[in-house]
Amino acid sequence: MFLNNYETIYILRPDVTDEKNLSLVNFYKTLIKENGGQSILVQHRGRRHLSYNITNYYDGIYVQMNYQGNGQLVKILEKSMRFNNNIVRYLTIKYRSLNYLSIY
């Protein structure tokens, strides 16, 4: 089965504790693994000022996850993030394989 490369960045509310942040990261890592994801890399980007006000928050805690999976995995992951009250925003992008880039 061919797996695509994805990057998901989500922004947590600024009042989320470090313990809650780590438990969310572990939850999403296990969710990705259980649904066939591989090569999971999580980077904590820290607290940053938002460009505009999102639901009365001016700061947010950024977390970046890179992984390999399929489109169904992304659907499950984003649905879980949509119903999580601690996540203000999320975005998933699909990377092209490097083999295709060397042709052009």
PDB file of N, CA and C in Angstrom:
ATOM      1  N   MET A   1       0.839  -1.182   0.000  1.00  0.00           N
ATOM      2  CA  MET A   1       0.000   0.000   0.000  1.00  0.00           C
ATOM      3  C   MET A   1       0.879   1.238   0.000  1.00  0.00           C
ATOM      4  N   PHE A   2       0.552   2.182  -0.862  1.00  0.00           N
ATOM      5  CA  PHE A   2       1.324   3.414  -0.985  1.00  0.00           C
ATOM      6  C   PHE A   2       0.847   4.425   0.052  1.00  0.00           C
ATOM      7  N   LEU A   3       1.778   5.018   0.774  1.00  0.00           N
ATOM      8  CA  LEU A   3       1.450   6.014   1.790  1.00  0.00           C
ATOM      9  C   LEU A   3       1.941   7.385   1.346  1.00  0.00           C
ATOM     10  N   ASN A   4       1.122   8.389   1.564  1.00  0.00           N
ATOM     11  CA  ASN A   4       1.483   9.764   1.243  1.00  0.00           C
ATOM     12  C   ASN A   4       2.138  10.427   2.450  1.00  0.00           C
ATOM     13  N   ASN A   5       2.893  11.476   2.198  1.00  0.00           N
ATOM     14  CA  ASN A   5       3.510  12.261   3.259  1.00  0.00           C
ATOM     15  C   ASN A   5       2.593  13.423   3.612  1.00  0.00           C
ATOM     16  N   TYR A   6       2.293  13.572   4.902  1.00  0.00           N
ATOM     17  CA  TYR A   6       1.417  14.639   5.376  1.00  0.00           C
ATOM     18  C   TYR A   6       2.089  15.420   6.491  1.00  0.00           C
ATOM     19  N   GLU A   7       1.652  16.668   6.620  1.00  0.00           N
ATOM     20  CA  GLU A   7       2.054  17.513   7.741  1.00  0.00           C
ATOM     21  C   GLU A   7       0.799  18.140   8.315  1.00  0.00           C
ATOM     22  N   THR A   8       0.578  17.954   9.601  1.00  0.00           N
ATOM     23  CA  THR A   8      -0.559  18.545  10.291  1.00  0.00           C
ATOM     24  C   THR A   8      -0.024  19.485  11.354  1.00  0.00           C
ATOM     25  N   ILE A   9      -0.504  20.710  11.329  1.00  0.00           N
ATOM     26  CA  ILE A   9      -0.171  21.692  12.359  1.00  0.00           C
ATOM     27  C   ILE A   9      -1.464  22.061  13.062  1.00  0.00           C
ATOM     28  N   TYR A  10      -1.442  22.003  14.379  1.00  0.00           N
ATOM     29  CA  TYR A  10      -2.615  22.443  15.120  1.00  0.00           C
ATOM     30  C   TYR A  10      -2.203  23.443  16.197  1.00  0.00           C
ATOM     31  N   ILE A  11      -3.151  24.322  16.513  1.00  0.00           N
ATOM     32  CA  ILE A  11      -2.918  25.387  17.483  1.00  0.00           C
ATOM     33  C   ILE A  11      -3.796  25.126  18.699  1.00  0.00           C
ATOM     34  N   LEU A  12      -3.161  25.039  19.856  1.00  0.00           N
ATOM     35  CA  LEU A  12      -3.875  24.833  21.108  1.00  0.00           C
ATOM     36  C   LEU A  12      -4.177  26.173  21.781  1.00  0.00           C
ATOM     37  N   ARG A  13      -5.201  26.177  22.610  1.00  0.00           N
ATOM     38  CA  ARG A  13      -5.491  27.374  23.405  1.00  0.00           C
ATOM     39  C   ARG A  13      -4.277  27.697  24.273  1.00  0.00           C
ATOM     40  N   PRO A  14      -4.057  28.971  24.585  1.00  0.00           N
ATOM     41  CA  PRO A  14      -2.867  29.333  25.365  1.00  0.00           C
ATOM     42  C   PRO A  14      -2.921  28.882  26.825  1.00  0.00           C
ATOM     43  N   ASP A  15      -4.100  28.567  27.345  1.00  0.00           N
ATOM     44  CA  ASP A  15      -4.202  28.166  28.747  1.00  0.00           C
ATOM     45  C   ASP A  15      -4.091  26.648  28.950  1.00  0.00           C
ATOM     46  N   VAL A  16      -3.733  25.906  27.915  1.00  0.00           N
ATOM     47  CA  VAL A  16      -3.548  24.453  28.024  1.00  0.00           C
ATOM     48  C   VAL A  16      -2.232  24.188  28.750  1.00  0.00           C
ATOM     49  N   THR A  17      -2.273  23.292  29.734  1.00  0.00           N
ATOM     50  CA  THR A  17      -1.070  22.969  30.499  1.00  0.00           C
ATOM     51  C   THR A  17      -0.146  22.054  29.686  1.00  0.00           C
ATOM     52  N   ASP A  18       1.105  21.950  30.144  1.00  0.00           N
ATOM     53  CA  ASP A  18       2.074  21.079  29.479  1.00  0.00           C
ATOM     54  C   ASP A  18       1.652  19.615  29.561  1.00  0.00           C
ATOM     55  N   GLU A  19       1.054  19.224  30.674  1.00  0.00           N
ATOM     56  CA  GLU A  19       0.598  17.843  30.818  1.00  0.00           C
ATOM     57  C   GLU A  19      -0.496  17.523  29.801  1.00  0.00           C
ATOM     58  N   LYS A  20      -1.443  18.429  29.640  1.00  0.00           N
ATOM     59  CA  LYS A  20      -2.529  18.233  28.675  1.00  0.00           C
ATOM     60  C   LYS A  20      -1.975  18.226  27.252  1.00  0.00           C
ATOM     61  N   ASN A  21      -0.999  19.086  26.997  1.00  0.00           N
ATOM     62  CA  ASN A  21      -0.366  19.145  25.682  1.00  0.00           C
ATOM     63  C   ASN A  21       0.293  17.803  25.351  1.00  0.00           C
ATOM     64  N   LEU A  22       1.057  17.255  26.283  1.00  0.00           N
ATOM     65  CA  LEU A  22       1.721  15.973  26.057  1.00  0.00           C
ATOM     66  C   LEU A  22       0.718  14.834  25.910  1.00  0.00           C
ATOM     67  N   SER A  23      -0.371  14.886  26.668  1.00  0.00           N
ATOM     68  CA  SER A  23      -1.376  13.824  26.533  1.00  0.00           C
ATOM     69  C   SER A  23      -2.067  13.898  25.172  1.00  0.00           C
ATOM     70  N   LEU A  24      -2.289  15.116  24.647  1.00  0.00           N
ATOM     71  CA  LEU A  24      -2.856  15.250  23.305  1.00  0.00           C
ATOM     72  C   LEU A  24      -1.900  14.735  22.238  1.00  0.00           C
ATOM     73  N   VAL A  25      -0.619  15.043  22.382  1.00  0.00           N
ATOM     74  CA  VAL A  25       0.382  14.556  21.422  1.00  0.00           C
ATOM     75  C   VAL A  25       0.411  13.038  21.425  1.00  0.00           C
ATOM     76  N   ASN A  26       0.414  12.432  22.606  1.00  0.00           N
ATOM     77  CA  ASN A  26       0.431  10.970  22.688  1.00  0.00           C
ATOM     78  C   ASN A  26      -0.855  10.370  22.123  1.00  0.00           C
ATOM     79  N   PHE A  27      -1.984  11.019  22.367  1.00  0.00           N
ATOM     80  CA  PHE A  27      -3.255  10.537  21.832  1.00  0.00           C
ATOM     81  C   PHE A  27      -3.229  10.532  20.311  1.00  0.00           C
ATOM     82  N   TYR A  28      -2.755  11.622  19.704  1.00  0.00           N
ATOM     83  CA  TYR A  28      -2.734  11.692  18.244  1.00  0.00           C
ATOM     84  C   TYR A  28      -1.684  10.772  17.641  1.00  0.00           C
ATOM     85  N   LYS A  29      -0.570  10.562  18.332  1.00  0.00           N
ATOM     86  CA  LYS A  29       0.417   9.610  17.836  1.00  0.00           C
ATOM     87  C   LYS A  29      -0.152   8.194  17.812  1.00  0.00           C
ATOM     88  N   THR A  30      -0.849   7.796  18.864  1.00  0.00           N
ATOM     89  CA  THR A  30      -1.444   6.456  18.882  1.00  0.00           C
ATOM     90  C   THR A  30      -2.578   6.352  17.873  1.00  0.00           C
ATOM     91  N   LEU A  31      -3.327   7.427  17.680  1.00  0.00           N
ATOM     92  CA  LEU A  31      -4.403   7.422  16.684  1.00  0.00           C
ATOM     93  C   LEU A  31      -3.833   7.217  15.277  1.00  0.00           C
ATOM     94  N   ILE A  32      -2.727   7.872  14.996  1.00  0.00           N
ATOM     95  CA  ILE A  32      -2.074   7.715  13.692  1.00  0.00           C
ATOM     96  C   ILE A  32      -1.556   6.287  13.527  1.00  0.00           C
ATOM     97  N   LYS A  33      -0.906   5.750  14.556  1.00  0.00           N
ATOM     98  CA  LYS A  33      -0.368   4.386  14.472  1.00  0.00           C
ATOM     99  C   LYS A  33      -1.475   3.359  14.304  1.00  0.00           C
ATOM    100  N   GLU A  34      -2.575   3.520  15.036  1.00  0.00           N
ATOM    101  CA  GLU A  34      -3.667   2.551  14.975  1.00  0.00           C
ATOM    102  C   GLU A  34      -4.353   2.535  13.613  1.00  0.00           C
ATOM    103  N   ASN A  35      -4.278   3.629  12.878  1.00  0.00           N
ATOM    104  CA  ASN A  35      -4.930   3.714  11.577  1.00  0.00           C
ATOM    105  C   ASN A  35      -3.956   3.595  10.417  1.00  0.00           C
ATOM    106  N   GLY A  36      -2.801   2.992  10.662  1.00  0.00           N
ATOM    107  CA  GLY A  36      -1.874   2.663   9.585  1.00  0.00           C
ATOM    108  C   GLY A  36      -0.837   3.721   9.268  1.00  0.00           C
ATOM    109  N   GLY A  37      -0.687   4.717  10.097  1.00  0.00           N
ATOM    110  CA  GLY A  37       0.324   5.747   9.861  1.00  0.00           C
ATOM    111  C   GLY A  37       1.708   5.277  10.257  1.00  0.00           C
ATOM    112  N   GLN A  38       2.712   5.863   9.632  1.00  0.00           N
ATOM    113  CA  GLN A  38       4.104   5.502   9.903  1.00  0.00           C
ATOM    114  C   GLN A  38       4.957   6.758   9.962  1.00  0.00           C
ATOM    115  N   SER A  39       6.186   6.602  10.418  1.00  0.00           N
ATOM    116  CA  SER A  39       7.204   7.667  10.431  1.00  0.00           C
ATOM    117  C   SER A  39       6.666   8.957  11.042  1.00  0.00           C
ATOM    118  N   ILE A  40       6.212   8.868  12.269  1.00  0.00           N
ATOM    119  CA  ILE A  40       5.605  10.018  12.942  1.00  0.00           C
ATOM    120  C   ILE A  40       6.703  10.852  13.583  1.00  0.00           C
ATOM    121  N   LEU A  41       6.710  12.134  13.267  1.00  0.00           N
ATOM    122  CA  LEU A  41       7.649  13.084  13.852  1.00  0.00           C
ATOM    123  C   LEU A  41       6.846  14.249  14.414  1.00  0.00           C
ATOM    124  N   VAL A  42       6.975  14.510  15.715  1.00  0.00           N
ATOM    125  CA  VAL A  42       6.229  15.585  16.366  1.00  0.00           C
ATOM    126  C   VAL A  42       7.213  16.653  16.816  1.00  0.00           C
ATOM    127  N   GLN A  43       6.901  17.908  16.500  1.00  0.00           N
ATOM    128  CA  GLN A  43       7.731  19.035  16.915  1.00  0.00           C
ATOM    129  C   GLN A  43       6.852  20.053  17.631  1.00  0.00           C
ATOM    130  N   HIS A  44       7.269  20.434  18.822  1.00  0.00           N
ATOM    131  CA  HIS A  44       6.559  21.467  19.559  1.00  0.00           C
ATOM    132  C   HIS A  44       7.139  22.818  19.141  1.00  0.00           C
ATOM    133  N   ARG A  45       6.330  23.651  18.546  1.00  0.00           N
ATOM    134  CA  ARG A  45       6.785  24.951  18.064  1.00  0.00           C
ATOM    135  C   ARG A  45       6.646  26.044  19.112  1.00  0.00           C
ATOM    136  N   GLY A  46       5.959  25.756  20.207  1.00  0.00           N
ATOM    137  CA  GLY A  46       5.882  26.699  21.316  1.00  0.00           C
ATOM    138  C   GLY A  46       4.745  27.692  21.187  1.00  0.00           C
ATOM    139  N   ARG A  47       4.693  28.599  22.138  1.00  0.00           N
ATOM    140  CA  ARG A  47       3.662  29.630  22.179  1.00  0.00           C
ATOM    141  C   ARG A  47       4.051  30.767  21.242  1.00  0.00           C
ATOM    142  N   ARG A  48       3.085  31.153  20.407  1.00  0.00           N
ATOM    143  CA  ARG A  48       3.322  32.236  19.454  1.00  0.00           C
ATOM    144  C   ARG A  48       2.122  33.162  19.420  1.00  0.00           C
ATOM    145  N   HIS A  49       2.383  34.375  19.030  1.00  0.00           N
ATOM    146  CA  HIS A  49       1.321  35.359  18.880  1.00  0.00           C
ATOM    147  C   HIS A  49       0.589  35.091  17.571  1.00  0.00           C
ATOM    148  N   LEU A  50      -0.749  35.087  17.613  1.00  0.00           N
ATOM    149  CA  LEU A  50      -1.546  34.855  16.415  1.00  0.00           C
ATOM    150  C   LEU A  50      -1.641  36.128  15.593  1.00  0.00           C
ATOM    151  N   SER A  51      -1.742  35.988  14.289  1.00  0.00           N
ATOM    152  CA  SER A  51      -1.843  37.152  13.408  1.00  0.00           C
ATOM    153  C   SER A  51      -3.157  37.888  13.608  1.00  0.00           C
ATOM    154  N   TYR A  52      -4.182  37.143  13.960  1.00  0.00           N
ATOM    155  CA  TYR A  52      -5.489  37.751  14.219  1.00  0.00           C
ATOM    156  C   TYR A  52      -6.157  36.985  15.358  1.00  0.00           C
ATOM    157  N   ASN A  53      -7.143  37.606  15.940  1.00  0.00           N
ATOM    158  CA  ASN A  53      -7.847  37.062  17.083  1.00  0.00           C
ATOM    159  C   ASN A  53      -8.688  35.852  16.655  1.00  0.00           C
ATOM    160  N   ILE A  54      -8.490  34.705  17.313  1.00  0.00           N
ATOM    161  CA  ILE A  54      -9.288  33.506  17.058  1.00  0.00           C
ATOM    162  C   ILE A  54     -10.021  33.165  18.348  1.00  0.00           C
ATOM    163  N   THR A  55     -11.319  33.289  18.326  1.00  0.00           N
ATOM    164  CA  THR A  55     -12.195  33.043  19.488  1.00  0.00           C
ATOM    165  C   THR A  55     -11.636  33.668  20.771  1.00  0.00           C
ATOM    166  N   ASN A  56     -11.304  34.947  20.674  1.00  0.00           N
ATOM    167  CA  ASN A  56     -10.810  35.759  21.792  1.00  0.00           C
ATOM    168  C   ASN A  56      -9.455  35.315  22.328  1.00  0.00           C
ATOM    169  N   TYR A  57      -8.654  34.608  21.545  1.00  0.00           N
ATOM    170  CA  TYR A  57      -7.292  34.247  21.924  1.00  0.00           C
ATOM    171  C   TYR A  57      -6.324  34.984  21.010  1.00  0.00           C
ATOM    172  N   TYR A  58      -5.282  35.563  21.629  1.00  0.00           N
ATOM    173  CA  TYR A  58      -4.268  36.289  20.875  1.00  0.00           C
ATOM    174  C   TYR A  58      -2.973  35.490  20.751  1.00  0.00           C
ATOM    175  N   ASP A  59      -2.814  34.454  21.571  1.00  0.00           N
ATOM    176  CA  ASP A  59      -1.658  33.570  21.529  1.00  0.00           C
ATOM    177  C   ASP A  59      -2.145  32.140  21.336  1.00  0.00           C
ATOM    178  N   GLY A  60      -1.235  31.278  20.911  1.00  0.00           N
ATOM    179  CA  GLY A  60      -1.567  29.869  20.768  1.00  0.00           C
ATOM    180  C   GLY A  60      -0.320  29.022  20.869  1.00  0.00           C
ATOM    181  N   ILE A  61      -0.495  27.757  21.193  1.00  0.00           N
ATOM    182  CA  ILE A  61       0.609  26.809  21.291  1.00  0.00           C
ATOM    183  C   ILE A  61       0.592  25.954  20.030  1.00  0.00           C
ATOM    184  N   TYR A  62       1.659  26.030  19.256  1.00  0.00           N
ATOM    185  CA  TYR A  62       1.739  25.344  17.967  1.00  0.00           C
ATOM    186  C   TYR A  62       2.405  23.981  18.119  1.00  0.00           C
ATOM    187  N   VAL A  63       1.812  22.967  17.477  1.00  0.00           N
ATOM    188  CA  VAL A  63       2.386  21.626  17.438  1.00  0.00           C
ATOM    189  C   VAL A  63       2.350  21.149  15.987  1.00  0.00           C
ATOM    190  N   GLN A  64       3.474  20.632  15.505  1.00  0.00           N
ATOM    191  CA  GLN A  64       3.594  20.162  14.123  1.00  0.00           C
ATOM    192  C   GLN A  64       3.836  18.656  14.126  1.00  0.00           C
ATOM    193  N   MET A  65       3.057  17.929  13.295  1.00  0.00           N
ATOM    194  CA  MET A  65       3.226  16.482  13.164  1.00  0.00           C
ATOM    195  C   MET A  65       3.461  16.139  11.699  1.00  0.00           C
ATOM    196  N   ASN A  66       4.534  15.431  11.405  1.00  0.00           N
ATOM    197  CA  ASN A  66       4.804  14.907  10.068  1.00  0.00           C
ATOM    198  C   ASN A  66       4.653  13.396  10.141  1.00  0.00           C
ATOM    199  N   TYR A  67       3.986  12.815   9.152  1.00  0.00           N
ATOM    200  CA  TYR A  67       3.733  11.379   9.158  1.00  0.00           C
ATOM    201  C   TYR A  67       3.406  10.901   7.755  1.00  0.00           C
ATOM    202  N   GLN A  68       3.365   9.588   7.605  1.00  0.00           N
ATOM    203  CA  GLN A  68       2.962   8.960   6.355  1.00  0.00           C
ATOM    204  C   GLN A  68       1.657   8.219   6.603  1.00  0.00           C
ATOM    205  N   GLY A  69       0.727   8.358   5.678  1.00  0.00           N
ATOM    206  CA  GLY A  69      -0.552   7.694   5.832  1.00  0.00           C
ATOM    207  C   GLY A  69      -1.378   7.833   4.571  1.00  0.00           C
ATOM    208  N   ASN A  70      -2.667   7.525   4.686  1.00  0.00           N
ATOM    209  CA  ASN A  70      -3.566   7.664   3.551  1.00  0.00           C
ATOM    210  C   ASN A  70      -4.637   8.712   3.858  1.00  0.00           C
ATOM    211  N   GLY A  71      -5.501   8.957   2.891  1.00  0.00           N
ATOM    212  CA  GLY A  71      -6.518   9.986   3.049  1.00  0.00           C
ATOM    213  C   GLY A  71      -7.518   9.674   4.143  1.00  0.00           C
ATOM    214  N   GLN A  72      -7.811   8.389   4.353  1.00  0.00           N
ATOM    215  CA  GLN A  72      -8.752   8.011   5.405  1.00  0.00           C
ATOM    216  C   GLN A  72      -8.200   8.363   6.778  1.00  0.00           C
ATOM    217  N   LEU A  73      -6.900   8.195   6.968  1.00  0.00           N
ATOM    218  CA  LEU A  73      -6.258   8.561   8.229  1.00  0.00           C
ATOM    219  C   LEU A  73      -6.407  10.056   8.492  1.00  0.00           C
ATOM    220  N   VAL A  74      -6.217  10.866   7.469  1.00  0.00           N
ATOM    221  CA  VAL A  74      -6.337  12.317   7.620  1.00  0.00           C
ATOM    222  C   VAL A  74      -7.770  12.688   8.009  1.00  0.00           C
ATOM    223  N   LYS A  75      -8.750  12.034   7.415  1.00  0.00           N
ATOM    224  CA  LYS A  75     -10.147  12.288   7.767  1.00  0.00           C
ATOM    225  C   LYS A  75     -10.408  11.992   9.239  1.00  0.00           C
ATOM    226  N   ILE A  76      -9.918  10.858   9.713  1.00  0.00           N
ATOM    227  CA  ILE A  76     -10.122  10.469  11.110  1.00  0.00           C
ATOM    228  C   ILE A  76      -9.427  11.450  12.045  1.00  0.00           C
ATOM    229  N   LEU A  77      -8.196  11.833  11.703  1.00  0.00           N
ATOM    230  CA  LEU A  77      -7.422  12.754  12.536  1.00  0.00           C
ATOM    231  C   LEU A  77      -8.089  14.119  12.614  1.00  0.00           C
ATOM    232  N   GLU A  78      -8.519  14.653  11.478  1.00  0.00           N
ATOM    233  CA  GLU A  78      -9.143  15.976  11.473  1.00  0.00           C
ATOM    234  C   GLU A  78     -10.504  15.966  12.151  1.00  0.00           C
ATOM    235  N   LYS A  79     -11.237  14.869  12.046  1.00  0.00           N
ATOM    236  CA  LYS A  79     -12.521  14.788  12.743  1.00  0.00           C
ATOM    237  C   LYS A  79     -12.307  14.804  14.252  1.00  0.00           C
ATOM    238  N   SER A  80     -11.274  14.118  14.718  1.00  0.00           N
ATOM    239  CA  SER A  80     -10.963  14.124  16.134  1.00  0.00           C
ATOM    240  C   SER A  80     -10.555  15.519  16.605  1.00  0.00           C
ATOM    241  N   MET A  81      -9.803  16.236  15.777  1.00  0.00           N
ATOM    242  CA  MET A  81      -9.379  17.588  16.143  1.00  0.00           C
ATOM    243  C   MET A  81     -10.548  18.568  16.120  1.00  0.00           C
ATOM    244  N   ARG A  82     -11.488  18.357  15.229  1.00  0.00           N
ATOM    245  CA  ARG A  82     -12.641  19.247  15.113  1.00  0.00           C
ATOM    246  C   ARG A  82     -13.469  19.255  16.401  1.00  0.00           C
ATOM    247  N   PHE A  83     -13.571  18.099  17.065  1.00  0.00           N
ATOM    248  CA  PHE A  83     -14.395  17.991  18.259  1.00  0.00           C
ATOM    249  C   PHE A  83     -13.614  18.182  19.550  1.00  0.00           C
ATOM    250  N   ASN A  84     -12.345  18.521  19.466  1.00  0.00           N
ATOM    251  CA  ASN A  84     -11.533  18.768  20.647  1.00  0.00           C
ATOM    252  C   ASN A  84     -11.599  20.258  20.988  1.00  0.00           C
ATOM    253  N   ASN A  85     -12.058  20.580  22.187  1.00  0.00           N
ATOM    254  CA  ASN A  85     -12.226  21.984  22.598  1.00  0.00           C
ATOM    255  C   ASN A  85     -10.906  22.688  22.851  1.00  0.00           C
ATOM    256  N   ASN A  86      -9.819  21.951  23.043  1.00  0.00           N
ATOM    257  CA  ASN A  86      -8.521  22.577  23.297  1.00  0.00           C
ATOM    258  C   ASN A  86      -7.835  23.045  22.025  1.00  0.00           C
ATOM    259  N   ILE A  87      -8.277  22.575  20.873  1.00  0.00           N
ATOM    260  CA  ILE A  87      -7.653  22.940  19.600  1.00  0.00           C
ATOM    261  C   ILE A  87      -8.439  24.075  18.965  1.00  0.00           C
ATOM    262  N   VAL A  88      -7.739  25.171  18.689  1.00  0.00           N
ATOM    263  CA  VAL A  88      -8.358  26.355  18.105  1.00  0.00           C
ATOM    264  C   VAL A  88      -8.412  26.236  16.586  1.00  0.00           C
ATOM    265  N   ARG A  89      -7.320  25.827  15.959  1.00  0.00           N
ATOM    266  CA  ARG A  89      -7.229  25.655  14.506  1.00  0.00           C
ATOM    267  C   ARG A  89      -6.322  24.469  14.190  1.00  0.00           C
ATOM    268  N   TYR A  90      -6.520  23.905  12.988  1.00  0.00           N
ATOM    269  CA  TYR A  90      -5.649  22.839  12.498  1.00  0.00           C
ATOM    270  C   TYR A  90      -5.591  22.931  10.981  1.00  0.00           C
ATOM    271  N   LEU A  91      -4.511  22.417  10.425  1.00  0.00           N
ATOM    272  CA  LEU A  91      -4.323  22.418   8.976  1.00  0.00           C
ATOM    273  C   LEU A  91      -3.468  21.212   8.603  1.00  0.00           C
ATOM    274  N   THR A  92      -3.903  20.490   7.580  1.00  0.00           N
ATOM    275  CA  THR A  92      -3.145  19.342   7.077  1.00  0.00           C
ATOM    276  C   THR A  92      -2.817  19.587   5.615  1.00  0.00           C
ATOM    277  N   ILE A  93      -1.551  19.384   5.267  1.00  0.00           N
ATOM    278  CA  ILE A  93      -1.141  19.501   3.875  1.00  0.00           C
ATOM    279  C   ILE A  93      -0.486  18.191   3.446  1.00  0.00           C
ATOM    280  N   LYS A  94      -0.571  17.905   2.164  1.00  0.00           N
ATOM    281  CA  LYS A  94       0.015  16.695   1.592  1.00  0.00           C
ATOM    282  C   LYS A  94       1.258  17.091   0.810  1.00  0.00           C
ATOM    283  N   TYR A  95       2.360  16.403   1.096  1.00  0.00           N
ATOM    284  CA  TYR A  95       3.598  16.640   0.370  1.00  0.00           C
ATOM    285  C   TYR A  95       3.679  15.711  -0.824  1.00  0.00           C
ATOM    286  N   ARG A  96       4.234  16.203  -1.897  1.00  0.00           N
ATOM    287  CA  ARG A  96       4.522  15.348  -3.040  1.00  0.00           C
ATOM    288  C   ARG A  96       5.786  14.571  -2.768  1.00  0.00           C
ATOM    289  N   SER A  97       5.891  13.442  -3.406  1.00  0.00           N
ATOM    290  CA  SER A  97       7.098  12.640  -3.283  1.00  0.00           C
ATOM    291  C   SER A  97       8.247  13.360  -3.983  1.00  0.00           C
ATOM    292  N   LEU A  98       9.451  13.209  -3.466  1.00  0.00           N
ATOM    293  CA  LEU A  98      10.612  13.867  -4.065  1.00  0.00           C
ATOM    294  C   LEU A  98      10.948  13.302  -5.431  1.00  0.00           C
ATOM    295  N   ASN A  99      10.535  12.073  -5.711  1.00  0.00           N
ATOM    296  CA  ASN A  99      10.808  11.477  -7.020  1.00  0.00           C
ATOM    297  C   ASN A  99      10.107  12.252  -8.131  1.00  0.00           C
ATOM    298  N   TYR A 100       8.908  12.750  -7.866  1.00  0.00           N
ATOM    299  CA  TYR A 100       8.179  13.512  -8.869  1.00  0.00           C
ATOM    300  C   TYR A 100       8.811  14.875  -9.102  1.00  0.00           C
ATOM    301  N   LEU A 101       9.390  15.445  -8.081  1.00  0.00           N
ATOM    302  CA  LEU A 101       9.979  16.783  -8.211  1.00  0.00           C
ATOM    303  C   LEU A 101      11.240  16.758  -9.061  1.00  0.00           C
ATOM    304  N   SER A 102      11.957  15.630  -9.081  1.00  0.00           N
ATOM    305  CA  SER A 102      13.205  15.598  -9.846  1.00  0.00           C
ATOM    306  C   SER A 102      12.939  15.480 -11.357  1.00  0.00           C
ATOM    307  N   ILE A 103      11.719  15.131 -11.746  1.00  0.00           N
ATOM    308  CA  ILE A 103      11.391  15.016 -13.174  1.00  0.00           C
ATOM    309  C   ILE A 103      11.271  16.383 -13.810  1.00  0.00           C
ATOM    310  N   TYR A 104      10.734  17.342 -13.103  1.00  0.00           N
ATOM    311  CA  TYR A 104      10.436  18.648 -13.679  1.00  0.00           C
ATOM    312  C   TYR A 104      11.643  19.500 -13.751  1.00  0.00           C
TER     313      TYR A 104
END
